[in-house]
Structure formats: C-alpha cells, structure tokens
Amino acid sequence: TYGITLSQRTVDKKNHEAEVILDMI
C-alpha cells in the first residue's frame, strides 16, 4: 500500500522463513 519495507530478518534456509515472520509480526 505504501511502497515501503517495514522490517527484515536474515535466514540461512528457505524453510526457516516462517519463524522470522513471527518475530517481525
């Protein structure tokens, strides 16, 4: 909607994305 990045995290493996999404939420 606003065209901006709100936050980010770094992961070593693709299947670990869900955990860092929880942290950002």
PDB file of all heavy atoms in Angstrom:
ATOM      1  N   THR A   1       0.826  -1.205   0.000  1.00  0.00           N
ATOM      2  CA  THR A   1       0.000   0.000   0.000  1.00  0.00           C
ATOM      3  C   THR A   1       0.855   1.248   0.000  1.00  0.00           C
ATOM      4  O   THR A   1       0.610   2.192  -0.757  1.00  0.00           O
ATOM      5  CB  THR A   1      -0.935   0.002   1.216  1.00  0.00           C
ATOM      6  OG1 THR A   1      -1.754  -1.182   1.184  1.00  0.00           O
ATOM      7  CG2 THR A   1      -1.827   1.237   1.221  1.00  0.00           C
ATOM      8  N   TYR A   2       1.877   1.291   0.862  1.00  0.00           N
ATOM      9  CA  TYR A   2       2.720   2.475   0.985  1.00  0.00           C
ATOM     10  C   TYR A   2       4.008   2.383   0.176  1.00  0.00           C
ATOM     11  O   TYR A   2       4.751   3.359   0.063  1.00  0.00           O
ATOM     12  CB  TYR A   2       3.073   2.715   2.457  1.00  0.00           C
ATOM     13  CG  TYR A   2       1.886   3.068   3.311  1.00  0.00           C
ATOM     14  CD1 TYR A   2       1.390   2.185   4.246  1.00  0.00           C
ATOM     15  CD2 TYR A   2       1.257   4.303   3.171  1.00  0.00           C
ATOM     16  CE1 TYR A   2       0.298   2.508   5.035  1.00  0.00           C
ATOM     17  CE2 TYR A   2       0.165   4.634   3.952  1.00  0.00           C
ATOM     18  CZ  TYR A   2      -0.311   3.734   4.881  1.00  0.00           C
ATOM     19  OH  TYR A   2      -1.400   4.066   5.652  1.00  0.00           O
ATOM     20  N   GLY A   3       4.317   1.195  -0.359  1.00  0.00           N
ATOM     21  CA  GLY A   3       5.518   1.045  -1.167  1.00  0.00           C
ATOM     22  C   GLY A   3       6.803   1.090  -0.379  1.00  0.00           C
ATOM     23  O   GLY A   3       7.839   1.519  -0.909  1.00  0.00           O
ATOM     24  N   ILE A   4       6.800   0.657   0.893  1.00  0.00           N
ATOM     25  CA  ILE A   4       7.993   0.705   1.721  1.00  0.00           C
ATOM     26  C   ILE A   4       8.218  -0.638   2.402  1.00  0.00           C
ATOM     27  O   ILE A   4       7.287  -1.417   2.602  1.00  0.00           O
ATOM     28  CB  ILE A   4       7.914   1.813   2.798  1.00  0.00           C
ATOM     29  CG1 ILE A   4       6.720   1.561   3.735  1.00  0.00           C
ATOM     30  CG2 ILE A   4       7.821   3.189   2.168  1.00  0.00           C
ATOM     31  CD1 ILE A   4       6.640   2.534   4.889  1.00  0.00           C
ATOM     32  N   THR A   5       9.475  -0.912   2.735  1.00  0.00           N
ATOM     33  CA  THR A   5       9.824  -2.095   3.515  1.00  0.00           C
ATOM     34  C   THR A   5       9.731  -1.753   4.995  1.00  0.00           C
ATOM     35  O   THR A   5      10.319  -0.781   5.457  1.00  0.00           O
ATOM     36  CB  THR A   5      11.241  -2.569   3.178  1.00  0.00           C
ATOM     37  OG1 THR A   5      11.299  -2.894   1.788  1.00  0.00           O
ATOM     38  CG2 THR A   5      11.606  -3.805   3.988  1.00  0.00           C
ATOM     39  N   LEU A   6       8.978  -2.556   5.738  1.00  0.00           N
ATOM     40  CA  LEU A   6       8.746  -2.284   7.153  1.00  0.00           C
ATOM     41  C   LEU A   6       9.800  -2.905   8.051  1.00  0.00           C
ATOM     42  O   LEU A   6      10.174  -2.335   9.070  1.00  0.00           O
ATOM     43  CB  LEU A   6       7.359  -2.789   7.561  1.00  0.00           C
ATOM     44  CG  LEU A   6       6.178  -2.272   6.732  1.00  0.00           C
ATOM     45  CD1 LEU A   6       4.882  -2.891   7.234  1.00  0.00           C
ATOM     46  CD2 LEU A   6       6.100  -0.761   6.787  1.00  0.00           C
ATOM     47  N   SER A   7      10.257  -4.097   7.686  1.00  0.00           N
ATOM     48  CA  SER A   7      11.239  -4.792   8.528  1.00  0.00           C
ATOM     49  C   SER A   7      11.860  -5.922   7.726  1.00  0.00           C
ATOM     50  O   SER A   7      11.338  -6.307   6.668  1.00  0.00           O
ATOM     51  CB  SER A   7      10.575  -5.331   9.798  1.00  0.00           C
ATOM     52  OG  SER A   7      11.542  -5.860  10.687  1.00  0.00           O
ATOM     53  N   GLN A   8      12.968  -6.471   8.232  1.00  0.00           N
ATOM     54  CA  GLN A   8      13.602  -7.602   7.574  1.00  0.00           C
ATOM     55  C   GLN A   8      14.374  -8.443   8.586  1.00  0.00           C
ATOM     56  O   GLN A   8      14.726  -7.977   9.665  1.00  0.00           O
ATOM     57  CB  GLN A   8      14.546  -7.136   6.466  1.00  0.00           C
ATOM     58  CG  GLN A   8      15.857  -6.547   6.958  1.00  0.00           C
ATOM     59  CD  GLN A   8      16.882  -6.389   5.842  1.00  0.00           C
ATOM     60  OE1 GLN A   8      16.565  -5.965   4.741  1.00  0.00           O
ATOM     61  NE2 GLN A   8      18.124  -6.739   6.139  1.00  0.00           N
ATOM     62  N   ARG A   9      14.611  -9.695   8.232  1.00  0.00           N
ATOM     63  CA  ARG A   9      15.425 -10.617   9.020  1.00  0.00           C
ATOM     64  C   ARG A   9      16.246 -11.468   8.054  1.00  0.00           C
ATOM     65  O   ARG A   9      15.919 -11.617   6.888  1.00  0.00           O
ATOM     66  CB  ARG A   9      14.562 -11.536   9.905  1.00  0.00           C
ATOM     67  CG  ARG A   9      13.770 -10.837  10.996  1.00  0.00           C
ATOM     68  CD  ARG A   9      14.669 -10.321  12.108  1.00  0.00           C
ATOM     69  NE  ARG A   9      13.887  -9.886  13.257  1.00  0.00           N
ATOM     70  CZ  ARG A   9      13.305  -8.701  13.383  1.00  0.00           C
ATOM     71  NH1 ARG A   9      13.399  -7.827  12.384  1.00  0.00           N
ATOM     72  NH2 ARG A   9      12.626  -8.377  14.460  1.00  0.00           N
ATOM     73  N   THR A  10      17.329 -12.072   8.570  1.00  0.00           N
ATOM     74  CA  THR A  10      18.208 -12.908   7.770  1.00  0.00           C
ATOM     75  C   THR A  10      18.061 -14.366   8.187  1.00  0.00           C
ATOM     76  O   THR A  10      18.038 -14.675   9.385  1.00  0.00           O
ATOM     77  CB  THR A  10      19.680 -12.483   7.950  1.00  0.00           C
ATOM     78  OG1 THR A  10      19.799 -11.103   7.624  1.00  0.00           O
ATOM     79  CG2 THR A  10      20.593 -13.277   7.037  1.00  0.00           C
ATOM     80  N   VAL A  11      17.945 -15.269   7.192  1.00  0.00           N
ATOM     81  CA  VAL A  11      17.838 -16.704   7.474  1.00  0.00           C
ATOM     82  C   VAL A  11      18.817 -17.451   6.573  1.00  0.00           C
ATOM     83  O   VAL A  11      19.167 -16.993   5.481  1.00  0.00           O
ATOM     84  CB  VAL A  11      16.404 -17.227   7.259  1.00  0.00           C
ATOM     85  CG1 VAL A  11      15.447 -16.614   8.271  1.00  0.00           C
ATOM     86  CG2 VAL A  11      15.922 -16.944   5.856  1.00  0.00           C
ATOM     87  N   ASP A  12      19.226 -18.643   7.034  1.00  0.00           N
ATOM     88  CA  ASP A  12      20.150 -19.465   6.266  1.00  0.00           C
ATOM     89  C   ASP A  12      19.441 -20.429   5.327  1.00  0.00           C
ATOM     90  O   ASP A  12      19.997 -20.866   4.338  1.00  0.00           O
ATOM     91  CB  ASP A  12      21.048 -20.273   7.202  1.00  0.00           C
ATOM     92  CG  ASP A  12      22.024 -19.377   7.951  1.00  0.00           C
ATOM     93  OD1 ASP A  12      22.509 -18.411   7.340  1.00  0.00           O
ATOM     94  OD2 ASP A  12      22.282 -19.626   9.143  1.00  0.00           O
ATOM     95  N   LYS A  13      18.191 -20.761   5.656  1.00  0.00           N
ATOM     96  CA  LYS A  13      17.465 -21.733   4.849  1.00  0.00           C
ATOM     97  C   LYS A  13      16.064 -21.223   4.564  1.00  0.00           C
ATOM     98  O   LYS A  13      15.457 -20.545   5.379  1.00  0.00           O
ATOM     99  CB  LYS A  13      17.392 -23.091   5.562  1.00  0.00           C
ATOM    100  CG  LYS A  13      18.748 -23.767   5.757  1.00  0.00           C
ATOM    101  CD  LYS A  13      18.594 -25.124   6.418  1.00  0.00           C
ATOM    102  CE  LYS A  13      19.952 -25.804   6.603  1.00  0.00           C
ATOM    103  NZ  LYS A  13      19.824 -27.125   7.258  1.00  0.00           N
ATOM    104  N   LYS A  14      15.540 -21.600   3.391  1.00  0.00           N
ATOM    105  CA  LYS A  14      14.230 -21.138   2.943  1.00  0.00           C
ATOM    106  C   LYS A  14      13.126 -21.544   3.905  1.00  0.00           C
ATOM    107  O   LYS A  14      12.206 -20.761   4.178  1.00  0.00           O
ATOM    108  CB  LYS A  14      13.952 -21.718   1.548  1.00  0.00           C
ATOM    109  CG  LYS A  14      12.654 -21.247   0.911  1.00  0.00           C
ATOM    110  CD  LYS A  14      12.784 -19.860   0.377  1.00  0.00           C
ATOM    111  CE  LYS A  14      11.545 -19.445  -0.408  1.00  0.00           C
ATOM    112  NZ  LYS A  14      11.598 -18.053  -0.864  1.00  0.00           N
ATOM    113  N   ASN A  15      13.219 -22.763   4.463  1.00  0.00           N
ATOM    114  CA  ASN A  15      12.131 -23.244   5.316  1.00  0.00           C
ATOM    115  C   ASN A  15      12.155 -22.655   6.725  1.00  0.00           C
ATOM    116  O   ASN A  15      11.377 -23.051   7.578  1.00  0.00           O
ATOM    117  CB  ASN A  15      12.157 -24.784   5.398  1.00  0.00           C
ATOM    118  CG  ASN A  15      13.490 -25.324   5.901  1.00  0.00           C
ATOM    119  OD1 ASN A  15      14.380 -24.546   6.260  1.00  0.00           O
ATOM    120  ND2 ASN A  15      13.629 -26.636   5.912  1.00  0.00           N
ATOM    121  N   HIS A  16      13.078 -21.716   6.983  1.00  0.00           N
ATOM    122  CA  HIS A  16      13.098 -21.029   8.274  1.00  0.00           C
ATOM    123  C   HIS A  16      12.409 -19.668   8.206  1.00  0.00           C
ATOM    124  O   HIS A  16      12.425 -18.926   9.191  1.00  0.00           O
ATOM    125  CB  HIS A  16      14.543 -20.838   8.747  1.00  0.00           C
ATOM    126  CG  HIS A  16      15.202 -22.130   9.158  1.00  0.00           C
ATOM    127  ND1 HIS A  16      16.546 -22.218   9.459  1.00  0.00           N
ATOM    128  CD2 HIS A  16      14.705 -23.377   9.296  1.00  0.00           C
ATOM    129  CE1 HIS A  16      16.849 -23.469   9.773  1.00  0.00           C
ATOM    130  NE2 HIS A  16      15.744 -24.191   9.669  1.00  0.00           N
ATOM    131  N   GLU A  17      11.824 -19.355   7.061  1.00  0.00           N
ATOM    132  CA  GLU A  17      11.188 -18.054   6.907  1.00  0.00           C
ATOM    133  C   GLU A  17      10.038 -17.851   7.882  1.00  0.00           C
ATOM    134  O   GLU A  17       9.829 -16.750   8.380  1.00  0.00           O
ATOM    135  CB  GLU A  17      10.676 -17.884   5.472  1.00  0.00           C
ATOM    136  CG  GLU A  17      11.768 -17.627   4.450  1.00  0.00           C
ATOM    137  CD  GLU A  17      11.199 -17.330   3.073  1.00  0.00           C
ATOM    138  OE1 GLU A  17       9.964 -17.109   2.984  1.00  0.00           O
ATOM    139  OE2 GLU A  17      11.962 -17.317   2.098  1.00  0.00           O
ATOM    140  N   ALA A  18       9.270 -18.906   8.146  1.00  0.00           N
ATOM    141  CA  ALA A  18       8.084 -18.769   8.992  1.00  0.00           C
ATOM    142  C   ALA A  18       8.437 -18.260  10.382  1.00  0.00           C
ATOM    143  O   ALA A  18       7.705 -17.440  10.961  1.00  0.00           O
ATOM    144  CB  ALA A  18       7.350 -20.109   9.088  1.00  0.00           C
ATOM    145  N   GLU A  19       9.567 -18.718  10.933  1.00  0.00           N
ATOM    146  CA  GLU A  19       9.950 -18.314  12.284  1.00  0.00           C
ATOM    147  C   GLU A  19      10.288 -16.822  12.346  1.00  0.00           C
ATOM    148  O   GLU A  19       9.887 -16.119  13.281  1.00  0.00           O
ATOM    149  CB  GLU A  19      11.156 -19.135  12.762  1.00  0.00           C
ATOM    150  CG  GLU A  19      10.823 -20.577  13.149  1.00  0.00           C
ATOM    151  CD  GLU A  19      10.512 -21.463  11.970  1.00  0.00           C
ATOM    152  OE1 GLU A  19      10.879 -21.081  10.829  1.00  0.00           O
ATOM    153  OE2 GLU A  19       9.897 -22.525  12.155  1.00  0.00           O
ATOM    154  N   VAL A  20      11.018 -16.312  11.346  1.00  0.00           N
ATOM    155  CA  VAL A  20      11.376 -14.897  11.384  1.00  0.00           C
ATOM    156  C   VAL A  20      10.176 -14.017  11.047  1.00  0.00           C
ATOM    157  O   VAL A  20      10.094 -12.869  11.492  1.00  0.00           O
ATOM    158  CB  VAL A  20      12.566 -14.596  10.450  1.00  0.00           C
ATOM    159  CG1 VAL A  20      13.791 -15.347  10.887  1.00  0.00           C
ATOM    160  CG2 VAL A  20      12.238 -14.894   8.994  1.00  0.00           C
ATOM    161  N   ILE A  21       9.238 -14.536  10.271  1.00  0.00           N
ATOM    162  CA  ILE A  21       7.996 -13.793  10.024  1.00  0.00           C
ATOM    163  C   ILE A  21       7.253 -13.583  11.334  1.00  0.00           C
ATOM    164  O   ILE A  21       6.700 -12.504  11.607  1.00  0.00           O
ATOM    165  CB  ILE A  21       7.115 -14.514   8.987  1.00  0.00           C
ATOM    166  CG1 ILE A  21       7.752 -14.411   7.598  1.00  0.00           C
ATOM    167  CG2 ILE A  21       5.701 -13.930   8.965  1.00  0.00           C
ATOM    168  CD1 ILE A  21       7.014 -15.186   6.531  1.00  0.00           C
ATOM    169  N   LEU A  22       7.240 -14.606  12.186  1.00  0.00           N
ATOM    170  CA  LEU A  22       6.609 -14.471  13.500  1.00  0.00           C
ATOM    171  C   LEU A  22       7.280 -13.372  14.317  1.00  0.00           C
ATOM    172  O   LEU A  22       6.598 -12.579  14.990  1.00  0.00           O
ATOM    173  CB  LEU A  22       6.678 -15.801  14.258  1.00  0.00           C
ATOM    174  CG  LEU A  22       5.800 -16.940  13.753  1.00  0.00           C
ATOM    175  CD1 LEU A  22       5.981 -18.168  14.631  1.00  0.00           C
ATOM    176  CD2 LEU A  22       4.344 -16.532  13.729  1.00  0.00           C
ATOM    177  N   ASP A  23       8.612 -13.322  14.280  1.00  0.00           N
ATOM    178  CA  ASP A  23       9.331 -12.282  15.038  1.00  0.00           C
ATOM    179  C   ASP A  23       8.941 -10.893  14.556  1.00  0.00           C
ATOM    180  O   ASP A  23       8.739  -9.980  15.363  1.00  0.00           O
ATOM    181  CB  ASP A  23      10.849 -12.483  14.886  1.00  0.00           C
ATOM    182  CG  ASP A  23      11.333 -13.737  15.582  1.00  0.00           C
ATOM    183  OD1 ASP A  23      10.624 -14.218  16.489  1.00  0.00           O
ATOM    184  OD2 ASP A  23      12.422 -14.224  15.229  1.00  0.00           O
ATOM    185  N   MET A  24       8.847 -10.712  13.243  1.00  0.00           N
ATOM    186  CA  MET A  24       8.518  -9.397  12.711  1.00  0.00           C
ATOM    187  C   MET A  24       7.066  -9.022  13.004  1.00  0.00           C
ATOM    188  O   MET A  24       6.755  -7.850  13.246  1.00  0.00           O
ATOM    189  CB  MET A  24       8.791  -9.352  11.199  1.00  0.00           C
ATOM    190  CG  MET A  24      10.270  -9.378  10.855  1.00  0.00           C
ATOM    191  SD  MET A  24      10.624  -9.113   9.094  1.00  0.00           S
ATOM    192  CE  MET A  24      10.175 -10.712   8.438  1.00  0.00           C
ATOM    193  N   ILE A  25       6.173 -10.007  12.987  1.00  0.00           N
ATOM    194  CA  ILE A  25       4.768  -9.733  13.317  1.00  0.00           C
ATOM    195  C   ILE A  25       4.645  -9.208  14.740  1.00  0.00           C
ATOM    196  O   ILE A  25       3.893  -8.264  15.023  1.00  0.00           O
ATOM    197  CB  ILE A  25       3.925 -11.008  13.119  1.00  0.00           C
ATOM    198  CG1 ILE A  25       3.770 -11.318  11.636  1.00  0.00           C
ATOM    199  CG2 ILE A  25       2.551 -10.856  13.769  1.00  0.00           C
ATOM    200  CD1 ILE A  25       3.056 -12.622  11.347  1.00  0.00           C
TER     201      ILE A  25
END
